[in-house]
Each structure stands twice: as structure tokens, then as C-alpha cells.
N, C-alpha and C. Protein backbone atom coordinates (compact mmCIF):
# COMPACT_ATOMS: atom_id res chain seq x y z
N MET A 1 -36.89 -67.26 -23.76
CA MET A 1 -38.12 -66.61 -23.41
C MET A 1 -38.32 -66.43 -21.88
N ASN A 2 -38.81 -65.34 -21.49
CA ASN A 2 -39.21 -65.19 -19.99
C ASN A 2 -40.41 -65.53 -19.74
N TYR A 3 -40.70 -66.36 -18.66
CA TYR A 3 -42.00 -66.77 -18.21
C TYR A 3 -42.32 -66.12 -16.90
N GLU A 4 -43.53 -65.48 -16.87
CA GLU A 4 -44.03 -64.84 -15.70
C GLU A 4 -44.81 -65.68 -14.78
N HIS A 5 -45.61 -66.67 -15.40
CA HIS A 5 -46.51 -67.47 -14.61
C HIS A 5 -46.08 -68.94 -14.68
N ALA A 6 -45.59 -69.45 -15.76
CA ALA A 6 -45.24 -70.76 -15.82
C ALA A 6 -43.87 -71.02 -15.24
N ILE A 7 -43.60 -72.16 -14.69
CA ILE A 7 -42.31 -72.49 -14.08
C ILE A 7 -41.51 -73.36 -15.11
N VAL A 8 -40.56 -72.72 -15.88
CA VAL A 8 -39.77 -73.30 -16.82
C VAL A 8 -38.37 -73.39 -16.56
N GLU A 9 -37.68 -74.51 -16.55
CA GLU A 9 -36.33 -74.52 -16.31
C GLU A 9 -35.66 -74.99 -17.55
N PHE A 10 -34.48 -74.53 -17.83
CA PHE A 10 -33.73 -74.86 -19.02
C PHE A 10 -32.49 -75.74 -18.68
N ASP A 11 -32.44 -76.95 -19.43
CA ASP A 11 -31.26 -77.84 -19.19
C ASP A 11 -30.66 -77.90 -20.53
N GLU A 12 -29.60 -77.13 -20.80
CA GLU A 12 -28.97 -76.92 -22.12
C GLU A 12 -30.09 -76.41 -23.12
N ASP A 13 -30.37 -77.14 -24.00
CA ASP A 13 -31.48 -76.64 -25.04
C ASP A 13 -32.80 -77.22 -24.65
N VAL A 14 -33.12 -77.89 -23.72
CA VAL A 14 -34.39 -78.42 -23.28
C VAL A 14 -35.11 -77.59 -22.34
N ALA A 15 -36.41 -77.22 -22.70
CA ALA A 15 -37.13 -76.53 -21.79
C ALA A 15 -38.05 -77.50 -20.93
N ILE A 16 -38.04 -77.42 -19.54
CA ILE A 16 -38.78 -78.36 -18.83
C ILE A 16 -39.83 -77.60 -18.09
N LEU A 17 -41.03 -77.94 -18.33
CA LEU A 17 -42.22 -77.27 -17.69
C LEU A 17 -42.52 -78.06 -16.47
N ARG A 18 -42.60 -77.28 -15.32
CA ARG A 18 -43.02 -77.80 -13.98
C ARG A 18 -44.31 -77.48 -13.43
N CYS A 19 -44.82 -78.25 -12.54
CA CYS A 19 -46.20 -77.94 -12.01
C CYS A 19 -46.04 -76.83 -11.04
N ASN A 20 -46.98 -75.93 -11.09
CA ASN A 20 -46.91 -74.64 -10.23
C ASN A 20 -47.16 -75.17 -8.72
N GLY A 21 -47.88 -76.23 -8.49
CA GLY A 21 -48.27 -76.74 -7.22
C GLY A 21 -47.26 -77.45 -6.51
N CYS A 22 -46.70 -78.48 -7.21
CA CYS A 22 -45.65 -79.42 -6.48
C CYS A 22 -44.37 -79.49 -7.00
N GLY A 23 -44.17 -78.94 -8.34
CA GLY A 23 -42.94 -78.86 -8.95
C GLY A 23 -42.39 -80.07 -9.77
N ILE A 24 -43.27 -81.04 -9.95
CA ILE A 24 -42.81 -82.21 -10.78
C ILE A 24 -42.88 -81.78 -12.30
N THR A 25 -42.11 -82.57 -13.02
CA THR A 25 -42.10 -82.29 -14.51
C THR A 25 -43.25 -82.73 -15.23
N ILE A 26 -43.92 -81.77 -15.91
CA ILE A 26 -45.10 -81.97 -16.80
C ILE A 26 -44.80 -82.33 -18.15
N ALA A 27 -43.83 -81.45 -18.68
CA ALA A 27 -43.55 -81.67 -20.07
C ALA A 27 -42.03 -81.12 -20.36
N GLU A 28 -41.46 -81.78 -21.45
CA GLU A 28 -40.10 -81.31 -21.80
C GLU A 28 -40.05 -80.87 -23.16
N ASP A 29 -39.18 -79.81 -23.47
CA ASP A 29 -38.96 -79.42 -24.87
C ASP A 29 -40.09 -78.67 -25.36
N GLY A 30 -39.85 -78.02 -26.38
CA GLY A 30 -40.96 -77.25 -27.17
C GLY A 30 -41.17 -75.94 -26.35
N LYS A 31 -42.18 -75.28 -26.88
CA LYS A 31 -42.54 -73.93 -26.28
C LYS A 31 -43.76 -74.18 -25.31
N HIS A 32 -43.77 -73.47 -24.18
CA HIS A 32 -44.90 -73.73 -23.24
C HIS A 32 -45.59 -72.28 -23.04
N GLU A 33 -46.91 -72.43 -22.97
CA GLU A 33 -47.71 -71.34 -22.75
C GLU A 33 -47.39 -70.67 -21.39
N ASP A 34 -47.30 -69.28 -21.42
CA ASP A 34 -47.04 -68.70 -20.08
C ASP A 34 -48.30 -68.50 -19.26
N ARG A 35 -48.70 -69.57 -18.49
CA ARG A 35 -49.81 -69.51 -17.67
C ARG A 35 -49.41 -70.59 -16.64
N GLU A 36 -50.22 -70.63 -15.47
CA GLU A 36 -49.95 -71.57 -14.50
C GLU A 36 -50.32 -72.91 -14.98
N HIS A 37 -49.54 -73.93 -14.75
CA HIS A 37 -49.69 -75.30 -15.10
C HIS A 37 -49.66 -76.21 -13.82
N TYR A 38 -50.73 -77.17 -13.75
CA TYR A 38 -50.79 -78.00 -12.59
C TYR A 38 -50.79 -79.51 -13.08
N CYS A 39 -50.29 -80.42 -12.45
CA CYS A 39 -50.27 -81.83 -12.70
C CYS A 39 -51.81 -82.32 -12.26
N THR A 40 -52.07 -83.45 -12.73
CA THR A 40 -53.42 -84.14 -12.54
C THR A 40 -53.62 -84.25 -11.07
N MET A 41 -52.66 -84.70 -10.24
CA MET A 41 -52.79 -84.84 -8.90
C MET A 41 -53.07 -83.57 -8.04
N CYS A 42 -52.38 -82.43 -8.46
CA CYS A 42 -52.70 -81.14 -7.85
C CYS A 42 -54.06 -80.66 -8.24
N MET A 43 -54.51 -80.93 -9.58
CA MET A 43 -55.87 -80.54 -9.92
C MET A 43 -56.95 -81.20 -9.20
N SER A 44 -56.68 -82.41 -8.70
CA SER A 44 -57.70 -83.12 -8.10
C SER A 44 -57.72 -82.96 -6.58
N GLY A 45 -56.53 -82.19 -6.17
CA GLY A 45 -56.41 -81.95 -4.68
C GLY A 45 -55.85 -83.11 -3.93
N ASN A 46 -55.31 -84.09 -4.52
CA ASN A 46 -54.81 -85.33 -3.94
C ASN A 46 -53.24 -85.28 -3.85
N CYS A 47 -52.63 -84.31 -4.30
CA CYS A 47 -51.19 -84.39 -4.45
C CYS A 47 -50.48 -84.27 -3.15
N LYS A 48 -49.48 -85.16 -2.80
CA LYS A 48 -48.80 -85.17 -1.54
C LYS A 48 -47.48 -84.54 -1.57
N ALA A 49 -47.05 -84.25 -2.83
CA ALA A 49 -45.72 -83.70 -2.99
C ALA A 49 -45.73 -82.15 -2.68
N LYS A 50 -44.59 -81.68 -2.14
CA LYS A 50 -44.59 -80.17 -1.96
C LYS A 50 -43.60 -79.57 -2.87
N PHE A 51 -43.98 -78.44 -3.33
CA PHE A 51 -43.02 -77.68 -4.20
C PHE A 51 -41.81 -77.13 -3.34
N LYS A 52 -40.60 -77.42 -3.92
CA LYS A 52 -39.42 -76.98 -3.21
C LYS A 52 -38.70 -75.94 -4.00
N LYS A 53 -38.66 -74.74 -3.57
CA LYS A 53 -37.95 -73.72 -4.25
C LYS A 53 -36.51 -73.86 -3.85
N GLY A 54 -35.61 -73.14 -4.63
CA GLY A 54 -34.17 -73.31 -4.37
C GLY A 54 -33.81 -72.84 -2.92
N ASN A 55 -32.74 -73.44 -2.39
CA ASN A 55 -32.20 -73.23 -1.10
C ASN A 55 -31.72 -71.77 -0.89
């Protein structure tokens, strides 16, 4: 499945959902809704991690 808004990476048959703000893993496996997903730290505004896109 192609995702326009959600950040989903595939590792073999496992779909890994990542936070749109910082990139940490939120959920693994299953189908994910194609919308922006944020971790609780990003939602609270206290996240210190930075999203790192590919080099």
C-alpha cells in the first residue's frame, strides 16, 4: 500500500509506523491509517528527538 501522509517503512513483511514529527517507531505490523501520526512526546510539545530523513 502507498502512504501519502503516514510514514510507514517495510522490513520484510512487517510494516513499521513512524512518528511524523521525530521518526520514532509508534507501531509495528498490521495496516495503518494514511494520516499523520505523532508520538505522545511530539503531541505534548516536549519531544527532543529530531526526525532524520535519509542521507
